[in-house]
Amino acid sequence: MSNPLKVVLFLGSVREGRLGLRVAKFMFNQLKKKGYEVSFFDPVEMPFTLLHKPIFMYRDKAEIPAWLKTADEQIRAADAYVVVSAEYNHSIPPALSNMLDHFGGSAYAFKPSGIVTYSAGQYGGMRAAMQLRAMLGELGMLSVSNIFGVPVAQKSLSEDGEPLNEHMERGADRLISQLDWYANALRNHRNTAGIPS
């Protein structure tokens, strides 16, 4: 790709023994294989505290922590987002909403997102996906229609994110093909028409 799409991949779990890391590794590899530039946001590896001050509330920009400023720049430079989410109590994990809320809606606006949910059981996190779709829309990164749910994630992927069944690559391909179409279309339109004020 001469001008590859930039994607931010968010992982929304901090639990010990989390299955999400293997799902995120799998999606990272699938995106890289298709030529995307991928930035990986992991709340275990990044110092997201409980949200006291989102980036847009710093009056003095010199006070913004360097890591947060870099993360904001990566989000703003991205053409699309992939959000990997568990389902806690039929809902979105708090680590995920906390991470996303550190940034303003303008950082995500007019760009598409893809939802990837997973669970240890048979439903693949679909109840969280429905709530996540509404949240992402409010942040300005509308989700594509296909949702990639991964049931029984511990039997679908190795710890290194290697697929253990055919469903994994087929499901990822369907999501990524929609995301790619929207990301290219919206990037082209942003470049030619700008964005509404």
N, C-alpha and C. Protein backbone atom coordinates (compact mmCIF):
# COMPACT_ATOMS: atom_id res chain seq x y z
N MET A 1 0.84 -1.18 0.00
CA MET A 1 0.00 0.00 0.00
C MET A 1 0.88 1.24 0.00
N SER A 2 0.68 2.14 -0.97
CA SER A 2 1.50 3.34 -1.03
C SER A 2 1.13 4.33 0.08
N ASN A 3 -0.14 4.37 0.44
CA ASN A 3 -0.60 5.24 1.52
C ASN A 3 -1.48 4.42 2.45
N PRO A 4 -0.86 3.59 3.29
CA PRO A 4 -1.65 2.63 4.08
C PRO A 4 -2.57 3.31 5.08
N LEU A 5 -3.70 2.68 5.31
CA LEU A 5 -4.61 3.16 6.33
C LEU A 5 -3.98 2.98 7.71
N LYS A 6 -4.25 3.94 8.58
CA LYS A 6 -3.77 3.86 9.96
C LYS A 6 -4.94 3.45 10.85
N VAL A 7 -4.69 2.44 11.67
CA VAL A 7 -5.73 1.90 12.55
C VAL A 7 -5.23 1.91 13.99
N VAL A 8 -6.08 2.34 14.91
CA VAL A 8 -5.80 2.17 16.33
C VAL A 8 -6.63 0.99 16.81
N LEU A 9 -5.96 0.04 17.43
CA LEU A 9 -6.59 -1.15 17.99
C LEU A 9 -6.64 -1.00 19.51
N PHE A 10 -7.86 -0.93 20.06
CA PHE A 10 -8.05 -0.78 21.50
C PHE A 10 -8.38 -2.13 22.12
N LEU A 11 -7.70 -2.47 23.20
CA LEU A 11 -8.05 -3.64 23.99
C LEU A 11 -8.66 -3.16 25.30
N GLY A 12 -9.83 -3.69 25.65
CA GLY A 12 -10.57 -3.13 26.77
C GLY A 12 -10.62 -3.96 28.03
N SER A 13 -9.60 -4.72 28.34
CA SER A 13 -9.64 -5.53 29.56
C SER A 13 -8.30 -5.46 30.28
N VAL A 14 -8.38 -5.43 31.61
CA VAL A 14 -7.17 -5.45 32.43
C VAL A 14 -7.15 -6.63 33.39
N ARG A 15 -8.12 -7.50 33.29
CA ARG A 15 -8.21 -8.64 34.21
C ARG A 15 -7.00 -9.55 34.11
N GLU A 16 -6.63 -10.13 35.24
CA GLU A 16 -5.58 -11.13 35.25
C GLU A 16 -6.05 -12.35 34.45
N GLY A 17 -5.18 -12.89 33.60
CA GLY A 17 -5.54 -14.04 32.79
C GLY A 17 -6.52 -13.71 31.68
N ARG A 18 -6.60 -12.46 31.29
CA ARG A 18 -7.58 -12.01 30.30
C ARG A 18 -7.44 -12.74 28.97
N LEU A 19 -8.57 -13.12 28.40
CA LEU A 19 -8.61 -13.74 27.08
C LEU A 19 -8.43 -12.69 25.98
N GLY A 20 -8.71 -11.44 26.32
CA GLY A 20 -8.67 -10.39 25.32
C GLY A 20 -7.33 -10.20 24.66
N LEU A 21 -6.26 -10.49 25.37
CA LEU A 21 -4.94 -10.27 24.78
C LEU A 21 -4.74 -11.17 23.58
N ARG A 22 -5.20 -12.41 23.64
CA ARG A 22 -5.05 -13.30 22.49
C ARG A 22 -5.92 -12.83 21.32
N VAL A 23 -7.11 -12.29 21.63
CA VAL A 23 -7.98 -11.76 20.57
C VAL A 23 -7.34 -10.53 19.93
N ALA A 24 -6.78 -9.65 20.76
CA ALA A 24 -6.12 -8.45 20.24
C ALA A 24 -4.90 -8.80 19.40
N LYS A 25 -4.11 -9.77 19.85
CA LYS A 25 -2.95 -10.20 19.06
C LYS A 25 -3.38 -10.73 17.70
N PHE A 26 -4.46 -11.52 17.70
CA PHE A 26 -4.98 -12.05 16.44
C PHE A 26 -5.40 -10.92 15.50
N MET A 27 -6.17 -9.96 16.01
CA MET A 27 -6.63 -8.85 15.17
C MET A 27 -5.46 -7.99 14.71
N PHE A 28 -4.50 -7.76 15.58
CA PHE A 28 -3.30 -7.00 15.20
C PHE A 28 -2.62 -7.67 14.01
N ASN A 29 -2.44 -8.98 14.10
CA ASN A 29 -1.77 -9.72 13.01
C ASN A 29 -2.59 -9.70 11.73
N GLN A 30 -3.91 -9.80 11.84
CA GLN A 30 -4.76 -9.77 10.65
C GLN A 30 -4.68 -8.41 9.96
N LEU A 31 -4.70 -7.35 10.74
CA LEU A 31 -4.61 -6.00 10.18
C LEU A 31 -3.25 -5.76 9.54
N LYS A 32 -2.17 -6.17 10.22
CA LYS A 32 -0.83 -5.99 9.67
C LYS A 32 -0.66 -6.77 8.37
N LYS A 33 -1.23 -7.97 8.33
CA LYS A 33 -1.13 -8.82 7.15
C LYS A 33 -1.76 -8.15 5.92
N LYS A 34 -2.76 -7.32 6.17
CA LYS A 34 -3.45 -6.63 5.08
C LYS A 34 -2.82 -5.27 4.76
N GLY A 35 -1.72 -4.94 5.44
CA GLY A 35 -0.97 -3.75 5.08
C GLY A 35 -1.29 -2.49 5.85
N TYR A 36 -2.06 -2.60 6.92
CA TYR A 36 -2.39 -1.41 7.71
C TYR A 36 -1.25 -1.05 8.67
N GLU A 37 -1.16 0.23 9.00
CA GLU A 37 -0.30 0.68 10.10
C GLU A 37 -1.14 0.60 11.36
N VAL A 38 -0.70 -0.17 12.34
CA VAL A 38 -1.53 -0.42 13.53
C VAL A 38 -0.85 0.08 14.79
N SER A 39 -1.57 0.88 15.57
CA SER A 39 -1.15 1.28 16.91
C SER A 39 -2.01 0.51 17.90
N PHE A 40 -1.39 -0.07 18.92
CA PHE A 40 -2.09 -0.93 19.86
C PHE A 40 -2.18 -0.24 21.22
N PHE A 41 -3.40 -0.02 21.69
CA PHE A 41 -3.65 0.61 22.98
C PHE A 41 -4.09 -0.46 23.98
N ASP A 42 -3.25 -0.73 24.96
CA ASP A 42 -3.52 -1.73 25.98
C ASP A 42 -3.52 -1.04 27.34
N PRO A 43 -4.66 -1.01 28.04
CA PRO A 43 -4.70 -0.30 29.32
C PRO A 43 -3.84 -0.92 30.42
N VAL A 44 -3.35 -2.13 30.21
CA VAL A 44 -2.38 -2.70 31.15
C VAL A 44 -1.01 -2.08 30.95
N GLU A 45 -0.67 -1.79 29.70
CA GLU A 45 0.66 -1.27 29.36
C GLU A 45 0.72 0.25 29.35
N MET A 46 -0.42 0.92 29.26
CA MET A 46 -0.46 2.38 29.22
C MET A 46 -1.00 2.89 30.56
N PRO A 47 -0.50 4.02 31.04
CA PRO A 47 -0.85 4.46 32.40
C PRO A 47 -2.19 5.19 32.51
N PHE A 48 -3.26 4.57 32.01
CA PHE A 48 -4.59 5.15 32.18
C PHE A 48 -5.03 5.00 33.63
N THR A 49 -5.19 6.12 34.33
CA THR A 49 -5.74 6.09 35.68
C THR A 49 -7.25 6.22 35.56
N LEU A 50 -7.97 6.07 36.68
CA LEU A 50 -9.39 6.39 36.65
C LEU A 50 -9.53 7.82 36.15
N LEU A 51 -10.48 8.05 35.29
CA LEU A 51 -10.57 9.33 34.59
C LEU A 51 -10.91 10.48 35.53
N HIS A 52 -9.92 11.34 35.74
CA HIS A 52 -10.12 12.57 36.50
C HIS A 52 -10.08 13.78 35.57
N LYS A 53 -9.26 13.66 34.52
CA LYS A 53 -9.07 14.82 33.65
C LYS A 53 -8.81 14.35 32.22
N PRO A 54 -9.84 14.39 31.36
CA PRO A 54 -9.59 14.04 29.96
C PRO A 54 -8.69 15.08 29.31
N ILE A 55 -8.10 14.71 28.21
CA ILE A 55 -7.08 15.56 27.58
C ILE A 55 -7.61 16.94 27.23
N PHE A 56 -8.88 17.04 26.87
CA PHE A 56 -9.40 18.34 26.44
C PHE A 56 -9.67 19.29 27.61
N MET A 57 -9.51 18.82 28.85
CA MET A 57 -9.73 19.69 30.01
C MET A 57 -8.45 20.34 30.54
N TYR A 58 -7.32 20.05 29.91
CA TYR A 58 -6.08 20.71 30.31
C TYR A 58 -6.05 22.11 29.72
N ARG A 59 -6.12 23.12 30.58
CA ARG A 59 -6.06 24.50 30.07
C ARG A 59 -4.65 24.82 29.57
N ASP A 60 -3.67 24.35 30.31
CA ASP A 60 -2.27 24.55 29.92
C ASP A 60 -1.80 23.28 29.22
N LYS A 61 -1.65 23.34 27.92
CA LYS A 61 -1.28 22.15 27.13
C LYS A 61 0.08 21.60 27.54
N ALA A 62 0.92 22.44 28.13
CA ALA A 62 2.24 21.97 28.58
C ALA A 62 2.12 20.98 29.74
N GLU A 63 0.97 20.95 30.40
CA GLU A 63 0.76 20.04 31.53
C GLU A 63 0.27 18.66 31.09
N ILE A 64 -0.08 18.50 29.82
CA ILE A 64 -0.57 17.20 29.35
C ILE A 64 0.58 16.19 29.42
N PRO A 65 0.38 15.05 30.08
CA PRO A 65 1.43 14.04 30.12
C PRO A 65 1.85 13.63 28.71
N ALA A 66 3.14 13.43 28.51
CA ALA A 66 3.66 13.14 27.17
C ALA A 66 3.00 11.90 26.56
N TRP A 67 2.78 10.86 27.36
CA TRP A 67 2.19 9.63 26.83
C TRP A 67 0.76 9.87 26.35
N LEU A 68 0.02 10.74 27.08
CA LEU A 68 -1.37 11.02 26.71
C LEU A 68 -1.43 11.85 25.44
N LYS A 69 -0.50 12.79 25.31
CA LYS A 69 -0.43 13.61 24.09
C LYS A 69 -0.10 12.74 22.88
N THR A 70 0.84 11.81 23.03
CA THR A 70 1.19 10.90 21.94
C THR A 70 0.00 10.03 21.56
N ALA A 71 -0.71 9.52 22.56
CA ALA A 71 -1.89 8.69 22.29
C ALA A 71 -2.95 9.48 21.55
N ASP A 72 -3.18 10.72 21.96
CA ASP A 72 -4.16 11.58 21.29
C ASP A 72 -3.77 11.82 19.84
N GLU A 73 -2.50 12.05 19.60
CA GLU A 73 -2.01 12.26 18.22
C GLU A 73 -2.23 11.02 17.37
N GLN A 74 -2.00 9.83 17.94
CA GLN A 74 -2.22 8.59 17.19
C GLN A 74 -3.69 8.40 16.87
N ILE A 75 -4.56 8.71 17.82
CA ILE A 75 -6.00 8.58 17.58
C ILE A 75 -6.44 9.54 16.49
N ARG A 76 -5.97 10.79 16.55
CA ARG A 76 -6.36 11.79 15.55
C ARG A 76 -5.82 11.46 14.16
N ALA A 77 -4.65 10.83 14.10
CA ALA A 77 -4.04 10.49 12.81
C ALA A 77 -4.66 9.24 12.18
N ALA A 78 -5.39 8.47 12.98
CA ALA A 78 -5.94 7.20 12.49
C ALA A 78 -7.05 7.42 11.48
N ASP A 79 -7.21 6.44 10.61
CA ASP A 79 -8.31 6.43 9.64
C ASP A 79 -9.46 5.54 10.10
N ALA A 80 -9.19 4.66 11.05
CA ALA A 80 -10.20 3.73 11.55
C ALA A 80 -9.77 3.18 12.90
N TYR A 81 -10.73 2.54 13.56
CA TYR A 81 -10.48 1.98 14.89
C TYR A 81 -11.05 0.57 14.96
N VAL A 82 -10.36 -0.29 15.70
CA VAL A 82 -10.89 -1.61 16.02
C VAL A 82 -10.90 -1.71 17.54
N VAL A 83 -12.06 -2.05 18.08
CA VAL A 83 -12.23 -2.11 19.53
C VAL A 83 -12.49 -3.55 19.94
N VAL A 84 -11.59 -4.10 20.74
CA VAL A 84 -11.70 -5.48 21.23
C VAL A 84 -12.22 -5.42 22.66
N SER A 85 -13.40 -6.00 22.88
CA SER A 85 -14.06 -5.87 24.17
C SER A 85 -14.53 -7.20 24.74
N ALA A 86 -14.32 -7.35 26.03
CA ALA A 86 -14.94 -8.43 26.78
C ALA A 86 -16.37 -8.02 27.12
N GLU A 87 -17.05 -8.88 27.85
CA GLU A 87 -18.38 -8.56 28.36
C GLU A 87 -18.39 -8.85 29.85
N TYR A 88 -18.53 -7.80 30.65
CA TYR A 88 -18.59 -7.95 32.10
C TYR A 88 -20.00 -7.63 32.56
N ASN A 89 -20.67 -8.57 33.18
CA ASN A 89 -22.04 -8.35 33.67
C ASN A 89 -22.95 -7.83 32.57
N HIS A 90 -22.82 -8.43 31.40
CA HIS A 90 -23.62 -8.09 30.22
C HIS A 90 -23.35 -6.67 29.74
N SER A 91 -22.17 -6.14 30.02
CA SER A 91 -21.89 -4.75 29.71
C SER A 91 -20.43 -4.57 29.27
N ILE A 92 -20.09 -3.32 28.96
CA ILE A 92 -18.75 -2.95 28.52
C ILE A 92 -17.80 -2.94 29.72
N PRO A 93 -16.59 -3.44 29.58
CA PRO A 93 -15.64 -3.39 30.70
C PRO A 93 -15.31 -1.94 31.08
N PRO A 94 -15.19 -1.65 32.37
CA PRO A 94 -14.88 -0.28 32.78
C PRO A 94 -13.54 0.22 32.25
N ALA A 95 -12.57 -0.66 32.10
CA ALA A 95 -11.26 -0.23 31.58
C ALA A 95 -11.38 0.32 30.17
N LEU A 96 -12.32 -0.22 29.39
CA LEU A 96 -12.48 0.23 28.01
C LEU A 96 -13.12 1.61 27.95
N SER A 97 -14.24 1.79 28.65
CA SER A 97 -14.88 3.10 28.61
C SER A 97 -13.98 4.16 29.24
N ASN A 98 -13.26 3.79 30.29
CA ASN A 98 -12.32 4.72 30.93
C ASN A 98 -11.25 5.17 29.94
N MET A 99 -10.70 4.23 29.18
CA MET A 99 -9.65 4.56 28.22
C MET A 99 -10.19 5.46 27.10
N LEU A 100 -11.31 5.08 26.51
CA LEU A 100 -11.87 5.86 25.41
C LEU A 100 -12.25 7.27 25.84
N ASP A 101 -12.73 7.41 27.08
CA ASP A 101 -13.19 8.71 27.56
C ASP A 101 -12.06 9.67 27.91
N HIS A 102 -10.82 9.22 27.88
CA HIS A 102 -9.69 10.13 28.08
C HIS A 102 -9.53 11.11 26.91
N PHE A 103 -10.22 10.84 25.81
CA PHE A 103 -10.05 11.64 24.60
C PHE A 103 -11.39 12.22 24.17
N GLY A 104 -11.34 13.37 23.53
CA GLY A 104 -12.57 14.02 23.09
C GLY A 104 -13.15 13.38 21.83
N GLY A 105 -14.44 13.57 21.64
CA GLY A 105 -15.10 13.03 20.45
C GLY A 105 -14.50 13.52 19.15
N SER A 106 -13.96 14.74 19.16
CA SER A 106 -13.37 15.28 17.92
C SER A 106 -12.16 14.47 17.47
N ALA A 107 -11.51 13.75 18.39
CA ALA A 107 -10.35 12.93 18.03
C ALA A 107 -10.76 11.75 17.16
N TYR A 108 -11.97 11.24 17.40
CA TYR A 108 -12.45 10.05 16.70
C TYR A 108 -13.37 10.36 15.51
N ALA A 109 -13.81 11.60 15.41
CA ALA A 109 -14.95 11.94 14.56
C ALA A 109 -14.74 11.65 13.08
N PHE A 110 -15.84 11.24 12.44
CA PHE A 110 -15.91 11.02 10.99
C PHE A 110 -14.98 9.90 10.52
N LYS A 111 -14.82 8.90 11.39
CA LYS A 111 -14.01 7.72 11.05
C LYS A 111 -14.76 6.48 11.51
N PRO A 112 -14.57 5.36 10.83
CA PRO A 112 -15.32 4.15 11.18
C PRO A 112 -14.62 3.33 12.26
N SER A 113 -15.40 2.48 12.89
CA SER A 113 -14.85 1.55 13.87
C SER A 113 -15.39 0.15 13.60
N GLY A 114 -14.62 -0.83 14.03
CA GLY A 114 -15.04 -2.22 13.97
C GLY A 114 -15.07 -2.78 15.38
N ILE A 115 -16.13 -3.51 15.70
CA ILE A 115 -16.30 -4.07 17.04
C ILE A 115 -15.96 -5.55 17.02
N VAL A 116 -15.06 -5.94 17.92
CA VAL A 116 -14.70 -7.35 18.11
C VAL A 116 -14.96 -7.67 19.58
N THR A 117 -15.87 -8.59 19.84
CA THR A 117 -16.15 -8.98 21.22
C THR A 117 -15.85 -10.47 21.40
N TYR A 118 -15.66 -10.85 22.64
CA TYR A 118 -15.30 -12.24 22.92
C TYR A 118 -15.82 -12.63 24.29
N SER A 119 -15.87 -13.93 24.52
CA SER A 119 -16.24 -14.44 25.84
C SER A 119 -15.69 -15.85 25.99
N ALA A 120 -15.68 -16.32 27.23
CA ALA A 120 -15.31 -17.70 27.49
C ALA A 120 -16.48 -18.63 27.20
N GLY A 121 -17.69 -18.08 27.14
CA GLY A 121 -18.89 -18.86 26.88
C GLY A 121 -19.34 -18.77 25.44
N GLN A 122 -20.61 -19.13 25.20
CA GLN A 122 -21.09 -19.31 23.83
C GLN A 122 -21.58 -18.05 23.13
N TYR A 123 -21.75 -16.94 23.85
CA TYR A 123 -22.38 -15.78 23.22
C TYR A 123 -21.40 -14.78 22.61
N GLY A 124 -20.13 -14.91 22.87
CA GLY A 124 -19.14 -14.08 22.21
C GLY A 124 -19.19 -12.61 22.54
N GLY A 125 -19.77 -12.25 23.68
CA GLY A 125 -19.78 -10.85 24.09
C GLY A 125 -20.77 -9.97 23.36
N MET A 126 -21.81 -10.55 22.75
CA MET A 126 -22.73 -9.77 21.92
C MET A 126 -23.52 -8.72 22.69
N ARG A 127 -23.82 -8.96 23.94
CA ARG A 127 -24.58 -7.95 24.70
C ARG A 127 -23.73 -6.70 24.92
N ALA A 128 -22.45 -6.90 25.18
CA ALA A 128 -21.55 -5.74 25.30
C ALA A 128 -21.42 -5.03 23.96
N ALA A 129 -21.42 -5.79 22.87
CA ALA A 129 -21.28 -5.19 21.54
C ALA A 129 -22.41 -4.22 21.25
N MET A 130 -23.63 -4.55 21.67
CA MET A 130 -24.77 -3.66 21.42
C MET A 130 -24.60 -2.34 22.17
N GLN A 131 -24.11 -2.41 23.39
CA GLN A 131 -23.87 -1.18 24.14
C GLN A 131 -22.68 -0.41 23.57
N LEU A 132 -21.69 -1.14 23.14
CA LEU A 132 -20.49 -0.50 22.59
C LEU A 132 -20.82 0.25 21.31
N ARG A 133 -21.71 -0.32 20.51
CA ARG A 133 -22.11 0.35 19.27
C ARG A 133 -22.68 1.74 19.56
N ALA A 134 -23.51 1.85 20.57
CA ALA A 134 -24.08 3.15 20.93
C ALA A 134 -22.99 4.10 21.42
N MET A 135 -22.10 3.61 22.25
CA MET A 135 -21.04 4.46 22.80
C MET A 135 -20.11 4.98 21.70
N LEU A 136 -19.70 4.09 20.80
CA LEU A 136 -18.80 4.50 19.73
C LEU A 136 -19.45 5.53 18.83
N GLY A 137 -20.74 5.36 18.57
CA GLY A 137 -21.47 6.35 17.77
C GLY A 137 -21.46 7.72 18.42
N GLU A 138 -21.64 7.75 19.74
CA GLU A 138 -21.62 9.03 20.46
C GLU A 138 -20.24 9.66 20.44
N LEU A 139 -19.20 8.85 20.37
CA LEU A 139 -17.83 9.38 20.28
C LEU A 139 -17.49 9.84 18.86
N GLY A 140 -18.33 9.50 17.89
CA GLY A 140 -18.10 9.94 16.52
C GLY A 140 -17.50 8.91 15.61
N MET A 141 -17.17 7.72 16.14
CA MET A 141 -16.60 6.66 15.30
C MET A 141 -17.65 5.58 15.08
N LEU A 142 -18.49 5.82 14.09
CA LEU A 142 -19.61 4.91 13.83
C LEU A 142 -19.10 3.52 13.49
N SER A 143 -19.75 2.52 14.06
CA SER A 143 -19.30 1.14 13.83
C SER A 143 -19.88 0.60 12.53
N VAL A 144 -19.09 -0.22 11.84
CA VAL A 144 -19.59 -0.90 10.64
C VAL A 144 -20.62 -1.93 11.07
N SER A 145 -21.44 -2.38 10.13
CA SER A 145 -22.57 -3.24 10.51
C SER A 145 -22.13 -4.61 11.01
N ASN A 146 -21.04 -5.14 10.47
CA ASN A 146 -20.59 -6.46 10.90
C ASN A 146 -19.92 -6.38 12.26
N ILE A 147 -20.33 -7.23 13.16
CA ILE A 147 -19.67 -7.36 14.47
C ILE A 147 -19.02 -8.74 14.50
N PHE A 148 -17.77 -8.79 14.89
CA PHE A 148 -17.04 -10.06 14.95
C PHE A 148 -17.04 -10.55 16.39
N GLY A 149 -17.89 -11.52 16.66
CA GLY A 149 -17.96 -12.12 17.99
C GLY A 149 -17.16 -13.40 18.06
N VAL A 150 -16.43 -13.57 19.13
CA VAL A 150 -15.58 -14.75 19.31
C VAL A 150 -16.06 -15.52 20.54
N PRO A 151 -16.92 -16.53 20.36
CA PRO A 151 -17.31 -17.34 21.51
C PRO A 151 -16.21 -18.33 21.87
N VAL A 152 -16.20 -18.74 23.12
CA VAL A 152 -15.24 -19.73 23.62
C VAL A 152 -13.83 -19.36 23.13
N ALA A 153 -13.42 -18.14 23.45
CA ALA A 153 -12.16 -17.60 22.92
C ALA A 153 -10.95 -18.45 23.28
N GLN A 154 -11.00 -19.10 24.43
CA GLN A 154 -9.87 -19.93 24.87
C GLN A 154 -9.68 -21.16 23.99
N LYS A 155 -10.71 -21.54 23.23
CA LYS A 155 -10.59 -22.67 22.31
C LYS A 155 -10.49 -22.22 20.86
N SER A 156 -10.66 -20.92 20.62
CA SER A 156 -10.61 -20.38 19.27
C SER A 156 -9.25 -19.83 18.89
N LEU A 157 -8.47 -19.45 19.92
CA LEU A 157 -7.16 -18.82 19.69
C LEU A 157 -6.15 -19.35 20.69
N SER A 158 -4.91 -19.49 20.23
CA SER A 158 -3.83 -19.81 21.16
C SER A 158 -3.48 -18.55 21.96
N GLU A 159 -2.65 -18.70 22.98
CA GLU A 159 -2.24 -17.54 23.77
C GLU A 159 -1.48 -16.52 22.94
N ASP A 160 -0.86 -16.95 21.86
CA ASP A 160 -0.13 -16.05 20.96
C ASP A 160 -1.02 -15.43 19.89
N GLY A 161 -2.32 -15.73 19.94
CA GLY A 161 -3.24 -15.16 18.97
C GLY A 161 -3.32 -15.92 17.66
N GLU A 162 -2.86 -17.16 17.66
CA GLU A 162 -2.96 -17.98 16.45
C GLU A 162 -4.34 -18.63 16.39
N PRO A 163 -5.01 -18.57 15.22
CA PRO A 163 -6.36 -19.13 15.11
C PRO A 163 -6.35 -20.65 15.22
N LEU A 164 -7.35 -21.18 15.93
CA LEU A 164 -7.48 -22.62 16.11
C LEU A 164 -8.68 -23.18 15.36
N ASN A 165 -9.39 -22.31 14.63
CA ASN A 165 -10.49 -22.78 13.78
C ASN A 165 -10.69 -21.82 12.61
N GLU A 166 -11.45 -22.25 11.60
CA GLU A 166 -11.63 -21.44 10.39
C GLU A 166 -12.49 -20.21 10.63
N HIS A 167 -13.34 -20.26 11.63
CA HIS A 167 -14.23 -19.13 11.93
C HIS A 167 -13.44 -17.85 12.17
N MET A 168 -12.28 -17.96 12.78
CA MET A 168 -11.53 -16.78 13.16
C MET A 168 -11.13 -15.93 11.96
N GLU A 169 -10.48 -16.53 10.98
CA GLU A 169 -10.02 -15.74 9.83
C GLU A 169 -11.20 -15.27 8.98
N ARG A 170 -12.22 -16.09 8.83
CA ARG A 170 -13.40 -15.67 8.06
C ARG A 170 -14.09 -14.49 8.74
N GLY A 171 -14.25 -14.59 10.05
CA GLY A 171 -14.91 -13.51 10.78
C GLY A 171 -14.11 -12.21 10.73
N ALA A 172 -12.81 -12.31 10.89
CA ALA A 172 -11.96 -11.12 10.82
C ALA A 172 -12.00 -10.51 9.42
N ASP A 173 -11.97 -11.34 8.40
CA ASP A 173 -12.00 -10.83 7.02
C ASP A 173 -13.28 -10.06 6.73
N ARG A 174 -14.42 -10.55 7.21
CA ARG A 174 -15.69 -9.85 6.98
C ARG A 174 -15.68 -8.48 7.64
N LEU A 175 -15.21 -8.44 8.87
CA LEU A 175 -15.16 -7.15 9.57
C LEU A 175 -14.18 -6.20 8.88
N ILE A 176 -13.00 -6.68 8.58
CA ILE A 176 -11.96 -5.81 8.01
C ILE A 176 -12.34 -5.32 6.62
N SER A 177 -13.03 -6.13 5.83
CA SER A 177 -13.42 -5.68 4.49
C SER A 177 -14.40 -4.52 4.57
N GLN A 178 -15.34 -4.57 5.53
CA GLN A 178 -16.26 -3.44 5.71
C GLN A 178 -15.51 -2.22 6.24
N LEU A 179 -14.66 -2.44 7.21
CA LEU A 179 -13.90 -1.33 7.80
C LEU A 179 -13.04 -0.66 6.74
N ASP A 180 -12.41 -1.45 5.90
CA ASP A 180 -11.54 -0.93 4.84
C ASP A 180 -12.33 -0.04 3.88
N TRP A 181 -13.51 -0.51 3.48
CA TRP A 181 -14.33 0.26 2.53
C TRP A 181 -14.68 1.62 3.13
N TYR A 182 -15.19 1.61 4.35
CA TYR A 182 -15.59 2.86 4.99
C TYR A 182 -14.38 3.75 5.28
N ALA A 183 -13.29 3.17 5.72
CA ALA A 183 -12.11 3.98 6.05
C ALA A 183 -11.56 4.68 4.82
N ASN A 184 -11.49 3.97 3.69
CA ASN A 184 -11.03 4.60 2.46
C ASN A 184 -12.00 5.67 1.98
N ALA A 185 -13.29 5.37 2.00
CA ALA A 185 -14.29 6.33 1.54
C ALA A 185 -14.28 7.60 2.39
N LEU A 186 -14.22 7.43 3.69
CA LEU A 186 -14.25 8.59 4.57
C LEU A 186 -12.94 9.37 4.53
N ARG A 187 -11.82 8.68 4.39
CA ARG A 187 -10.55 9.40 4.25
C ARG A 187 -10.56 10.24 2.98
N ASN A 188 -11.02 9.65 1.88
CA ASN A 188 -11.09 10.40 0.62
C ASN A 188 -11.98 11.63 0.76
N HIS A 189 -13.12 11.46 1.43
CA HIS A 189 -14.04 12.59 1.57
C HIS A 189 -13.50 13.65 2.52
N ARG A 190 -12.84 13.22 3.59
CA ARG A 190 -12.21 14.21 4.48
C ARG A 190 -11.15 15.01 3.73
N ASN A 191 -10.40 14.33 2.87
CA ASN A 191 -9.33 15.00 2.13
C ASN A 191 -9.86 15.96 1.08
N THR A 192 -11.03 15.67 0.51
CA THR A 192 -11.56 16.54 -0.54
C THR A 192 -12.55 17.57 -0.03
N ALA A 193 -13.35 17.21 0.97
CA ALA A 193 -14.41 18.11 1.43
C ALA A 193 -14.19 18.63 2.84
N GLY A 194 -13.20 18.09 3.55
CA GLY A 194 -13.02 18.48 4.94
C GLY A 194 -14.10 17.86 5.81
N ILE A 195 -14.24 18.36 7.03
CA ILE A 195 -15.28 17.85 7.93
C ILE A 195 -16.16 19.01 8.38
N PRO A 196 -17.42 18.72 8.70
CA PRO A 196 -18.32 19.80 9.15
C PRO A 196 -17.80 20.45 10.43
N SER A 197 -18.07 21.73 10.57
CA SER A 197 -17.62 22.43 11.78
C SER A 197 -18.69 22.39 12.85
